[in-house]
Amino acid sequence: EQILALVGEVQVAQADYQLAAEAPQERESIERGRFVLSELTAALE
């Protein structure tokens, strides 16, 4: 019961972390990646 309770706590904490910190950072990386890719493409063309 203790182990399963800890599993549940970790899952909740991980979900909170992803929503609070990871997702915005990931979106920023993707958006920046697309911008840099478009700049490289345009410059080479």
All heavy atoms as atom14 arrays in JSON, in Angstrom:
{
  "sequence": "EQILALVGEVQVAQADYQLAAEAPQERESIERGRFVLSELTAALE",
  "atom14_mask": [
    [1, 1, 1, 1, 1, 1, 1, 1, 1, 0, 0, 0, 0, 0],
    [1, 1, 1, 1, 1, 1, 1, 1, 1, 0, 0, 0, 0, 0],
    [1, 1, 1, 1, 1, 1, 1, 1, 0, 0, 0, 0, 0, 0],
    [1, 1, 1, 1, 1, 1, 1, 1, 0, 0, 0, 0, 0, 0],
    [1, 1, 1, 1, 1, 0, 0, 0, 0, 0, 0, 0, 0, 0],
    [1, 1, 1, 1, 1, 1, 1, 1, 0, 0, 0, 0, 0, 0],
    [1, 1, 1, 1, 1, 1, 1, 0, 0, 0, 0, 0, 0, 0],
    [1, 1, 1, 1, 0, 0, 0, 0, 0, 0, 0, 0, 0, 0],
    [1, 1, 1, 1, 1, 1, 1, 1, 1, 0, 0, 0, 0, 0],
    [1, 1, 1, 1, 1, 1, 1, 0, 0, 0, 0, 0, 0, 0],
    [1, 1, 1, 1, 1, 1, 1, 1, 1, 0, 0, 0, 0, 0],
    [1, 1, 1, 1, 1, 1, 1, 0, 0, 0, 0, 0, 0, 0],
    [1, 1, 1, 1, 1, 0, 0, 0, 0, 0, 0, 0, 0, 0],
    [1, 1, 1, 1, 1, 1, 1, 1, 1, 0, 0, 0, 0, 0],
    [1, 1, 1, 1, 1, 0, 0, 0, 0, 0, 0, 0, 0, 0],
    [1, 1, 1, 1, 1, 1, 1, 1, 0, 0, 0, 0, 0, 0],
    [1, 1, 1, 1, 1, 1, 1, 1, 1, 1, 1, 1, 0, 0],
    [1, 1, 1, 1, 1, 1, 1, 1, 1, 0, 0, 0, 0, 0],
    [1, 1, 1, 1, 1, 1, 1, 1, 0, 0, 0, 0, 0, 0],
    [1, 1, 1, 1, 1, 0, 0, 0, 0, 0, 0, 0, 0, 0],
    [1, 1, 1, 1, 1, 0, 0, 0, 0, 0, 0, 0, 0, 0],
    [1, 1, 1, 1, 1, 1, 1, 1, 1, 0, 0, 0, 0, 0],
    [1, 1, 1, 1, 1, 0, 0, 0, 0, 0, 0, 0, 0, 0],
    [1, 1, 1, 1, 1, 1, 1, 0, 0, 0, 0, 0, 0, 0],
    [1, 1, 1, 1, 1, 1, 1, 1, 1, 0, 0, 0, 0, 0],
    [1, 1, 1, 1, 1, 1, 1, 1, 1, 0, 0, 0, 0, 0],
    [1, 1, 1, 1, 1, 1, 1, 1, 1, 1, 1, 0, 0, 0],
    [1, 1, 1, 1, 1, 1, 1, 1, 1, 0, 0, 0, 0, 0],
    [1, 1, 1, 1, 1, 1, 0, 0, 0, 0, 0, 0, 0, 0],
    [1, 1, 1, 1, 1, 1, 1, 1, 0, 0, 0, 0, 0, 0],
    [1, 1, 1, 1, 1, 1, 1, 1, 1, 0, 0, 0, 0, 0],
    [1, 1, 1, 1, 1, 1, 1, 1, 1, 1, 1, 0, 0, 0],
    [1, 1, 1, 1, 0, 0, 0, 0, 0, 0, 0, 0, 0, 0],
    [1, 1, 1, 1, 1, 1, 1, 1, 1, 1, 1, 0, 0, 0],
    [1, 1, 1, 1, 1, 1, 1, 1, 1, 1, 1, 0, 0, 0],
    [1, 1, 1, 1, 1, 1, 1, 0, 0, 0, 0, 0, 0, 0],
    [1, 1, 1, 1, 1, 1, 1, 1, 0, 0, 0, 0, 0, 0],
    [1, 1, 1, 1, 1, 1, 0, 0, 0, 0, 0, 0, 0, 0],
    [1, 1, 1, 1, 1, 1, 1, 1, 1, 0, 0, 0, 0, 0],
    [1, 1, 1, 1, 1, 1, 1, 1, 0, 0, 0, 0, 0, 0],
    [1, 1, 1, 1, 1, 1, 1, 0, 0, 0, 0, 0, 0, 0],
    [1, 1, 1, 1, 1, 0, 0, 0, 0, 0, 0, 0, 0, 0],
    [1, 1, 1, 1, 1, 0, 0, 0, 0, 0, 0, 0, 0, 0],
    [1, 1, 1, 1, 1, 1, 1, 1, 0, 0, 0, 0, 0, 0],
    [1, 1, 1, 1, 1, 1, 1, 1, 1, 0, 0, 0, 0, 0]
  ],
  "atom14_positions": [
    [[0.83, -1.2, 0.0], [0.0, 0.0, 0.0], [0.87, 1.26, 0.0], [0.58, 2.23, -0.71], [-0.92, -0.02, 1.22], [-1.95, 1.1, 1.23], [-2.84, 1.05, 2.46], [-2.64, 0.15, 3.29], [-3.72, 1.93, 2.57], [0.0, 0.0, 0.0], [0.0, 0.0, 0.0], [0.0, 0.0, 0.0], [0.0, 0.0, 0.0], [0.0, 0.0, 0.0]],
    [[1.95, 1.21, 0.77], [2.87, 2.35, 0.81], [3.54, 2.58, -0.55], [3.67, 3.71, -1.02], [3.93, 2.14, 1.87], [3.41, 2.18, 3.3], [4.55, 2.12, 4.31], [5.58, 2.77, 4.13], [4.37, 1.36, 5.38], [0.0, 0.0, 0.0], [0.0, 0.0, 0.0], [0.0, 0.0, 0.0], [0.0, 0.0, 0.0], [0.0, 0.0, 0.0]],
    [[3.97, 1.49, -1.17], [4.62, 1.61, -2.48], [3.66, 2.21, -3.51], [4.02, 3.12, -4.26], [5.12, 0.22, -2.96], [6.25, -0.27, -2.07], [5.58, 0.29, -4.42], [6.69, -1.7, -2.36], [0.0, 0.0, 0.0], [0.0, 0.0, 0.0], [0.0, 0.0, 0.0], [0.0, 0.0, 0.0], [0.0, 0.0, 0.0], [0.0, 0.0, 0.0]],
    [[2.43, 1.71, -3.55], [1.45, 2.22, -4.52], [1.1, 3.67, -4.23], [0.87, 4.46, -5.16], [0.2, 1.34, -4.5], [0.4, -0.1, -5.0], [-0.87, -0.9, -4.84], [0.85, -0.1, -6.46], [0.0, 0.0, 0.0], [0.0, 0.0, 0.0], [0.0, 0.0, 0.0], [0.0, 0.0, 0.0], [0.0, 0.0, 0.0], [0.0, 0.0, 0.0]],
    [[1.07, 4.03, -2.95], [0.8, 5.43, -2.6], [1.93, 6.32, -3.11], [1.7, 7.42, -3.62], [0.64, 5.57, -1.1], [0.0, 0.0, 0.0], [0.0, 0.0, 0.0], [0.0, 0.0, 0.0], [0.0, 0.0, 0.0], [0.0, 0.0, 0.0], [0.0, 0.0, 0.0], [0.0, 0.0, 0.0], [0.0, 0.0, 0.0], [0.0, 0.0, 0.0]],
    [[3.17, 5.86, -2.96], [4.31, 6.63, -3.45], [4.28, 6.74, -4.97], [4.61, 7.8, -5.53], [5.61, 5.96, -3.0], [6.0, 6.17, -1.53], [7.17, 5.28, -1.16], [6.34, 7.63, -1.27], [0.0, 0.0, 0.0], [0.0, 0.0, 0.0], [0.0, 0.0, 0.0], [0.0, 0.0, 0.0], [0.0, 0.0, 0.0], [0.0, 0.0, 0.0]],
    [[3.91, 5.67, -5.66], [3.79, 5.72, -7.12], [2.79, 6.8, -7.52], [3.04, 7.61, -8.42], [3.36, 4.35, -7.68], [2.95, 4.47, -9.14], [4.49, 3.35, -7.54], [0.0, 0.0, 0.0], [0.0, 0.0, 0.0], [0.0, 0.0, 0.0], [0.0, 0.0, 0.0], [0.0, 0.0, 0.0], [0.0, 0.0, 0.0], [0.0, 0.0, 0.0]],
    [[1.65, 6.83, -6.82], [0.64, 7.85, -7.12], [1.15, 9.25, -6.86], [0.92, 10.17, -7.65], [0.0, 0.0, 0.0], [0.0, 0.0, 0.0], [0.0, 0.0, 0.0], [0.0, 0.0, 0.0], [0.0, 0.0, 0.0], [0.0, 0.0, 0.0], [0.0, 0.0, 0.0], [0.0, 0.0, 0.0], [0.0, 0.0, 0.0], [0.0, 0.0, 0.0]],
    [[1.88, 9.44, -5.76], [2.43, 10.75, -5.43], [3.44, 11.2, -6.48], [3.46, 12.36, -6.88], [3.1, 10.69, -4.05], [2.13, 10.59, -2.89], [1.33, 11.86, -2.7], [1.93, 12.93, -2.54], [0.09, 11.78, -2.73], [0.0, 0.0, 0.0], [0.0, 0.0, 0.0], [0.0, 0.0, 0.0], [0.0, 0.0, 0.0], [0.0, 0.0, 0.0]],
    [[4.29, 10.28, -6.91], [5.3, 10.63, -7.92], [4.63, 11.0, -9.24], [5.03, 11.96, -9.92], [6.28, 9.46, -8.13], [7.18, 9.71, -9.34], [7.13, 9.26, -6.89], [0.0, 0.0, 0.0], [0.0, 0.0, 0.0], [0.0, 0.0, 0.0], [0.0, 0.0, 0.0], [0.0, 0.0, 0.0], [0.0, 0.0, 0.0], [0.0, 0.0, 0.0]],
    [[3.6, 10.27, -9.62], [2.9, 10.57, -10.86], [2.25, 11.94, -10.82], [2.31, 12.7, -11.79], [1.84, 9.49, -11.14], [2.45, 8.15, -11.53], [1.42, 7.05, -11.66], [0.39, 7.05, -10.97], [1.67, 6.09, -12.53], [0.0, 0.0, 0.0], [0.0, 0.0, 0.0], [0.0, 0.0, 0.0], [0.0, 0.0, 0.0], [0.0, 0.0, 0.0]],
    [[1.66, 12.27, -9.68], [1.04, 13.6, -9.53], [2.11, 14.69, -9.59], [1.94, 15.71, -10.26], [0.26, 13.68, -8.2], [-0.16, 15.12, -7.92], [-0.97, 12.78, -8.25], [0.0, 0.0, 0.0], [0.0, 0.0, 0.0], [0.0, 0.0, 0.0], [0.0, 0.0, 0.0], [0.0, 0.0, 0.0], [0.0, 0.0, 0.0], [0.0, 0.0, 0.0]],
    [[3.21, 14.47, -8.88], [4.29, 15.46, -8.87], [4.88, 15.65, -10.26], [5.18, 16.77, -10.68], [5.38, 15.04, -7.89], [0.0, 0.0, 0.0], [0.0, 0.0, 0.0], [0.0, 0.0, 0.0], [0.0, 0.0, 0.0], [0.0, 0.0, 0.0], [0.0, 0.0, 0.0], [0.0, 0.0, 0.0], [0.0, 0.0, 0.0], [0.0, 0.0, 0.0]],
    [[5.05, 14.54, -11.0], [5.59, 14.63, -12.36], [4.64, 15.38, -13.28], [5.07, 16.2, -14.11], [5.86, 13.22, -12.9], [6.33, 13.17, -14.35], [7.72, 13.72, -14.55], [8.36, 14.15, -13.59], [8.2, 13.71, -15.77], [0.0, 0.0, 0.0], [0.0, 0.0, 0.0], [0.0, 0.0, 0.0], [0.0, 0.0, 0.0], [0.0, 0.0, 0.0]],
    [[3.35, 15.11, -13.14], [2.36, 15.82, -13.97], [2.37, 17.31, -13.65], [2.32, 18.15, -14.56], [0.97, 15.23, -13.73], [0.0, 0.0, 0.0], [0.0, 0.0, 0.0], [0.0, 0.0, 0.0], [0.0, 0.0, 0.0], [0.0, 0.0, 0.0], [0.0, 0.0, 0.0], [0.0, 0.0, 0.0], [0.0, 0.0, 0.0], [0.0, 0.0, 0.0]],
    [[2.44, 17.65, -12.36], [2.5, 19.06, -11.97], [3.74, 19.73, -12.54], [3.69, 20.87, -13.01], [2.5, 19.18, -10.44], [1.15, 18.83, -9.83], [0.16, 18.79, -10.58], [1.1, 18.59, -8.61], [0.0, 0.0, 0.0], [0.0, 0.0, 0.0], [0.0, 0.0, 0.0], [0.0, 0.0, 0.0], [0.0, 0.0, 0.0], [0.0, 0.0, 0.0]],
    [[4.86, 19.02, -12.51], [6.11, 19.58, -13.04], [6.0, 19.81, -14.54], [6.39, 20.87, -15.05], [7.27, 18.62, -12.75], [8.54, 18.99, -13.48], [9.31, 20.06, -13.05], [8.94, 18.29, -14.6], [10.47, 20.42, -13.72], [10.09, 18.63, -15.28], [10.86, 19.69, -14.83], [11.99, 20.03, -15.51], [0.0, 0.0, 0.0], [0.0, 0.0, 0.0]],
    [[5.46, 18.85, -15.26], [5.33, 19.0, -16.71], [4.44, 20.19, -17.06], [4.75, 20.97, -17.97], [4.74, 17.73, -17.33], [5.62, 16.5, -17.24], [6.81, 16.56, -18.18], [6.89, 17.44, -19.02], [7.73, 15.63, -18.03], [0.0, 0.0, 0.0], [0.0, 0.0, 0.0], [0.0, 0.0, 0.0], [0.0, 0.0, 0.0], [0.0, 0.0, 0.0]],
    [[3.35, 20.33, -16.33], [2.41, 21.43, -16.62], [2.98, 22.78, -16.21], [2.77, 23.78, -16.89], [1.08, 21.19, -15.9], [0.27, 20.0, -16.4], [-0.95, 19.79, -15.51], [-0.17, 20.21, -17.85], [0.0, 0.0, 0.0], [0.0, 0.0, 0.0], [0.0, 0.0, 0.0], [0.0, 0.0, 0.0], [0.0, 0.0, 0.0], [0.0, 0.0, 0.0]],
    [[3.73, 22.8, -15.11], [4.21, 24.07, -14.58], [5.51, 24.53, -15.21], [5.74, 25.72, -15.35], [4.39, 23.97, -13.06], [0.0, 0.0, 0.0], [0.0, 0.0, 0.0], [0.0, 0.0, 0.0], [0.0, 0.0, 0.0], [0.0, 0.0, 0.0], [0.0, 0.0, 0.0], [0.0, 0.0, 0.0], [0.0, 0.0, 0.0], [0.0, 0.0, 0.0]],
    [[6.36, 23.6, -15.6], [7.7, 23.99, -16.04], [8.07, 23.47, -17.41], [8.61, 24.19, -18.22], [8.74, 23.5, -15.01], [0.0, 0.0, 0.0], [0.0, 0.0, 0.0], [0.0, 0.0, 0.0], [0.0, 0.0, 0.0], [0.0, 0.0, 0.0], [0.0, 0.0, 0.0], [0.0, 0.0, 0.0], [0.0, 0.0, 0.0], [0.0, 0.0, 0.0]],
    [[7.75, 22.21, -17.67], [8.28, 21.59, -18.87], [7.57, 22.05, -20.14], [8.2, 22.36, -21.13], [8.17, 20.07, -18.76], [8.88, 19.3, -19.85], [10.39, 19.4, -19.76], [10.89, 19.98, -18.77], [11.05, 18.89, -20.67], [0.0, 0.0, 0.0], [0.0, 0.0, 0.0], [0.0, 0.0, 0.0], [0.0, 0.0, 0.0], [0.0, 0.0, 0.0]],
    [[6.25, 22.06, -20.11], [5.5, 22.35, -21.33], [5.81, 23.72, -21.93], [6.08, 23.82, -23.12], [4.0, 22.2, -21.07], [0.0, 0.0, 0.0], [0.0, 0.0, 0.0], [0.0, 0.0, 0.0], [0.0, 0.0, 0.0], [0.0, 0.0, 0.0], [0.0, 0.0, 0.0], [0.0, 0.0, 0.0], [0.0, 0.0, 0.0], [0.0, 0.0, 0.0]],
    [[5.79, 24.81, -21.15], [6.13, 26.11, -21.74], [7.53, 26.13, -22.32], [7.76, 26.68, -23.39], [5.99, 27.07, -20.55], [5.05, 26.4, -19.62], [5.38, 24.93, -19.75], [0.0, 0.0, 0.0], [0.0, 0.0, 0.0], [0.0, 0.0, 0.0], [0.0, 0.0, 0.0], [0.0, 0.0, 0.0], [0.0, 0.0, 0.0], [0.0, 0.0, 0.0]],
    [[8.49, 25.53, -21.61], [9.85, 25.51, -22.09], [9.94, 24.72, -23.4], [10.66, 25.1, -24.32], [10.77, 24.87, -21.04], [12.25, 24.94, -21.41], [13.12, 24.33, -20.33], [12.62, 23.83, -19.34], [14.41, 24.4, -20.52], [0.0, 0.0, 0.0], [0.0, 0.0, 0.0], [0.0, 0.0, 0.0], [0.0, 0.0, 0.0], [0.0, 0.0, 0.0]],
    [[9.19, 23.63, -23.47], [9.2, 22.82, -24.69], [8.61, 23.6, -25.85], [9.15, 23.58, -26.96], [8.42, 21.53, -24.47], [8.36, 20.64, -25.71], [7.7, 19.33, -25.42], [8.18, 18.61, -24.53], [6.7, 19.02, -26.08], [0.0, 0.0, 0.0], [0.0, 0.0, 0.0], [0.0, 0.0, 0.0], [0.0, 0.0, 0.0], [0.0, 0.0, 0.0]],
    [[7.51, 24.29, -25.62], [6.9, 25.08, -26.7], [7.86, 26.15, -27.19], [7.96, 26.4, -28.39], [5.59, 25.71, -26.2], [4.44, 24.72, -26.06], [3.11, 25.46, -25.95], [3.08, 26.31, -24.77], [2.65, 25.91, -23.58], [2.26, 24.66, -23.42], [2.62, 26.73, -22.56], [0.0, 0.0, 0.0], [0.0, 0.0, 0.0], [0.0, 0.0, 0.0]],
    [[8.57, 26.78, -26.25], [9.53, 27.81, -26.65], [10.65, 27.21, -27.5], [11.06, 27.83, -28.49], [10.12, 28.47, -25.39], [9.12, 29.33, -24.63], [9.68, 29.82, -23.31], [10.88, 29.56, -23.04], [8.93, 30.43, -22.53], [0.0, 0.0, 0.0], [0.0, 0.0, 0.0], [0.0, 0.0, 0.0], [0.0, 0.0, 0.0], [0.0, 0.0, 0.0]],
    [[11.12, 26.03, -27.15], [12.17, 25.39, -27.93], [11.68, 25.04, -29.33], [12.4, 25.22, -30.32], [12.65, 24.11, -27.23], [13.26, 24.42, -25.99], [0.0, 0.0, 0.0], [0.0, 0.0, 0.0], [0.0, 0.0, 0.0], [0.0, 0.0, 0.0], [0.0, 0.0, 0.0], [0.0, 0.0, 0.0], [0.0, 0.0, 0.0], [0.0, 0.0, 0.0]],
    [[10.46, 24.55, -29.42], [9.9, 24.2, -30.73], [9.71, 25.44, -31.58], [10.08, 25.47, -32.77], [8.56, 23.45, -30.56], [8.81, 22.08, -29.91], [7.86, 23.27, -31.9], [7.55, 21.35, -29.52], [0.0, 0.0, 0.0], [0.0, 0.0, 0.0], [0.0, 0.0, 0.0], [0.0, 0.0, 0.0], [0.0, 0.0, 0.0], [0.0, 0.0, 0.0]],
    [[9.15, 26.49, -30.99], [8.92, 27.71, -31.74], [10.24, 28.33, -32.2], [10.37, 28.79, -33.34], [8.14, 28.71, -30.88], [6.69, 28.29, -30.64], [6.0, 29.14, -29.59], [6.64, 30.1, -29.09], [4.83, 28.85, -29.27], [0.0, 0.0, 0.0], [0.0, 0.0, 0.0], [0.0, 0.0, 0.0], [0.0, 0.0, 0.0], [0.0, 0.0, 0.0]],
    [[11.24, 28.32, -31.31], [12.54, 28.84, -31.69], [13.16, 27.98, -32.78], [13.79, 28.49, -33.72], [13.46, 28.89, -30.47], [14.86, 29.46, -30.76], [14.78, 30.91, -31.23], [16.11, 31.42, -31.58], [16.33, 32.63, -32.09], [15.33, 33.47, -32.3], [17.55, 33.01, -32.38], [0.0, 0.0, 0.0], [0.0, 0.0, 0.0], [0.0, 0.0, 0.0]],
    [[12.99, 26.66, -32.67], [13.53, 25.77, -33.68], [12.92, 26.03, -35.04], [13.63, 26.05, -36.06], [0.0, 0.0, 0.0], [0.0, 0.0, 0.0], [0.0, 0.0, 0.0], [0.0, 0.0, 0.0], [0.0, 0.0, 0.0], [0.0, 0.0, 0.0], [0.0, 0.0, 0.0], [0.0, 0.0, 0.0], [0.0, 0.0, 0.0], [0.0, 0.0, 0.0]],
    [[11.62, 26.24, -35.08], [10.96, 26.52, -36.37], [11.43, 27.86, -36.94], [11.61, 28.0, -38.16], [9.44, 26.51, -36.19], [8.89, 25.14, -35.86], [7.39, 25.07, -36.11], [6.85, 23.78, -35.72], [6.98, 22.66, -36.41], [7.66, 22.67, -37.54], [6.45, 21.53, -35.97], [0.0, 0.0, 0.0], [0.0, 0.0, 0.0], [0.0, 0.0, 0.0]],
    [[11.63, 28.84, -36.06], [12.1, 30.15, -36.53], [13.5, 30.04, -37.11], [13.78, 30.54, -38.21], [12.08, 31.16, -35.39], [12.71, 32.48, -35.75], [12.04, 33.39, -36.56], [13.99, 32.8, -35.3], [12.63, 34.6, -36.91], [14.58, 34.01, -35.64], [13.9, 34.91, -36.46], [0.0, 0.0, 0.0], [0.0, 0.0, 0.0], [0.0, 0.0, 0.0]],
    [[14.4, 29.38, -36.38], [15.78, 29.23, -36.85], [15.8, 28.44, -38.16], [16.55, 28.78, -39.1], [16.65, 28.54, -35.78], [18.02, 28.16, -36.35], [16.82, 29.45, -34.58], [0.0, 0.0, 0.0], [0.0, 0.0, 0.0], [0.0, 0.0, 0.0], [0.0, 0.0, 0.0], [0.0, 0.0, 0.0], [0.0, 0.0, 0.0], [0.0, 0.0, 0.0]],
    [[14.98, 27.4, -38.25], [14.92, 26.61, -39.48], [14.46, 27.47, -40.66], [15.03, 27.38, -41.76], [13.96, 25.43, -39.29], [13.79, 24.52, -40.5], [15.12, 23.88, -40.89], [12.74, 23.44, -40.22], [0.0, 0.0, 0.0], [0.0, 0.0, 0.0], [0.0, 0.0, 0.0], [0.0, 0.0, 0.0], [0.0, 0.0, 0.0], [0.0, 0.0, 0.0]],
    [[13.47, 28.31, -40.44], [13.0, 29.18, -41.53], [14.06, 30.18, -41.95], [14.2, 30.5, -43.14], [11.71, 29.9, -41.11], [11.97, 30.84, -40.08], [0.0, 0.0, 0.0], [0.0, 0.0, 0.0], [0.0, 0.0, 0.0], [0.0, 0.0, 0.0], [0.0, 0.0, 0.0], [0.0, 0.0, 0.0], [0.0, 0.0, 0.0], [0.0, 0.0, 0.0]],
    [[14.83, 30.67, -40.99], [15.89, 31.62, -41.31], [17.01, 30.94, -42.11], [17.53, 31.52, -43.08], [16.47, 32.21, -40.01], [15.53, 33.16, -39.29], [15.33, 34.46, -40.06], [16.31, 35.19, -40.27], [14.17, 34.72, -40.47], [0.0, 0.0, 0.0], [0.0, 0.0, 0.0], [0.0, 0.0, 0.0], [0.0, 0.0, 0.0], [0.0, 0.0, 0.0]],
    [[17.38, 29.73, -41.71], [18.4, 28.99, -42.46], [17.93, 28.69, -43.87], [18.69, 28.85, -44.84], [18.73, 27.68, -41.74], [19.52, 27.75, -40.44], [19.63, 26.36, -39.82], [20.9, 28.32, -40.67], [0.0, 0.0, 0.0], [0.0, 0.0, 0.0], [0.0, 0.0, 0.0], [0.0, 0.0, 0.0], [0.0, 0.0, 0.0], [0.0, 0.0, 0.0]],
    [[16.68, 28.26, -43.97], [16.14, 27.93, -45.29], [16.14, 29.14, -46.21], [16.59, 29.07, -47.37], [14.71, 27.39, -45.15], [14.7, 26.26, -44.28], [14.14, 26.98, -46.5], [0.0, 0.0, 0.0], [0.0, 0.0, 0.0], [0.0, 0.0, 0.0], [0.0, 0.0, 0.0], [0.0, 0.0, 0.0], [0.0, 0.0, 0.0], [0.0, 0.0, 0.0]],
    [[15.64, 30.27, -45.7], [15.57, 31.49, -46.51], [16.96, 31.97, -46.93], [17.19, 32.34, -48.08], [14.83, 32.57, -45.75], [0.0, 0.0, 0.0], [0.0, 0.0, 0.0], [0.0, 0.0, 0.0], [0.0, 0.0, 0.0], [0.0, 0.0, 0.0], [0.0, 0.0, 0.0], [0.0, 0.0, 0.0], [0.0, 0.0, 0.0], [0.0, 0.0, 0.0]],
    [[17.91, 31.92, -45.98], [19.26, 32.4, -46.28], [19.91, 31.55, -47.37], [20.56, 32.07, -48.29], [20.11, 32.38, -45.01], [0.0, 0.0, 0.0], [0.0, 0.0, 0.0], [0.0, 0.0, 0.0], [0.0, 0.0, 0.0], [0.0, 0.0, 0.0], [0.0, 0.0, 0.0], [0.0, 0.0, 0.0], [0.0, 0.0, 0.0], [0.0, 0.0, 0.0]],
    [[19.76, 30.23, -47.27], [20.35, 29.35, -48.27], [19.69, 29.52, -49.63], [20.36, 29.54, -50.67], [20.24, 27.89, -47.81], [21.15, 27.5, -46.64], [20.75, 26.15, -46.07], [22.62, 27.47, -47.06], [0.0, 0.0, 0.0], [0.0, 0.0, 0.0], [0.0, 0.0, 0.0], [0.0, 0.0, 0.0], [0.0, 0.0, 0.0], [0.0, 0.0, 0.0]],
    [[18.38, 29.67, -49.64], [17.67, 29.86, -50.91], [18.11, 31.15, -51.58], [18.34, 31.19, -52.8], [16.16, 29.87, -50.67], [15.6, 28.49, -50.32], [14.12, 28.53, -49.99], [13.59, 29.66, -49.78], [13.49, 27.46, -49.95], [0.0, 0.0, 0.0], [0.0, 0.0, 0.0], [0.0, 0.0, 0.0], [0.0, 0.0, 0.0], [0.0, 0.0, 0.0]]
  ]
}
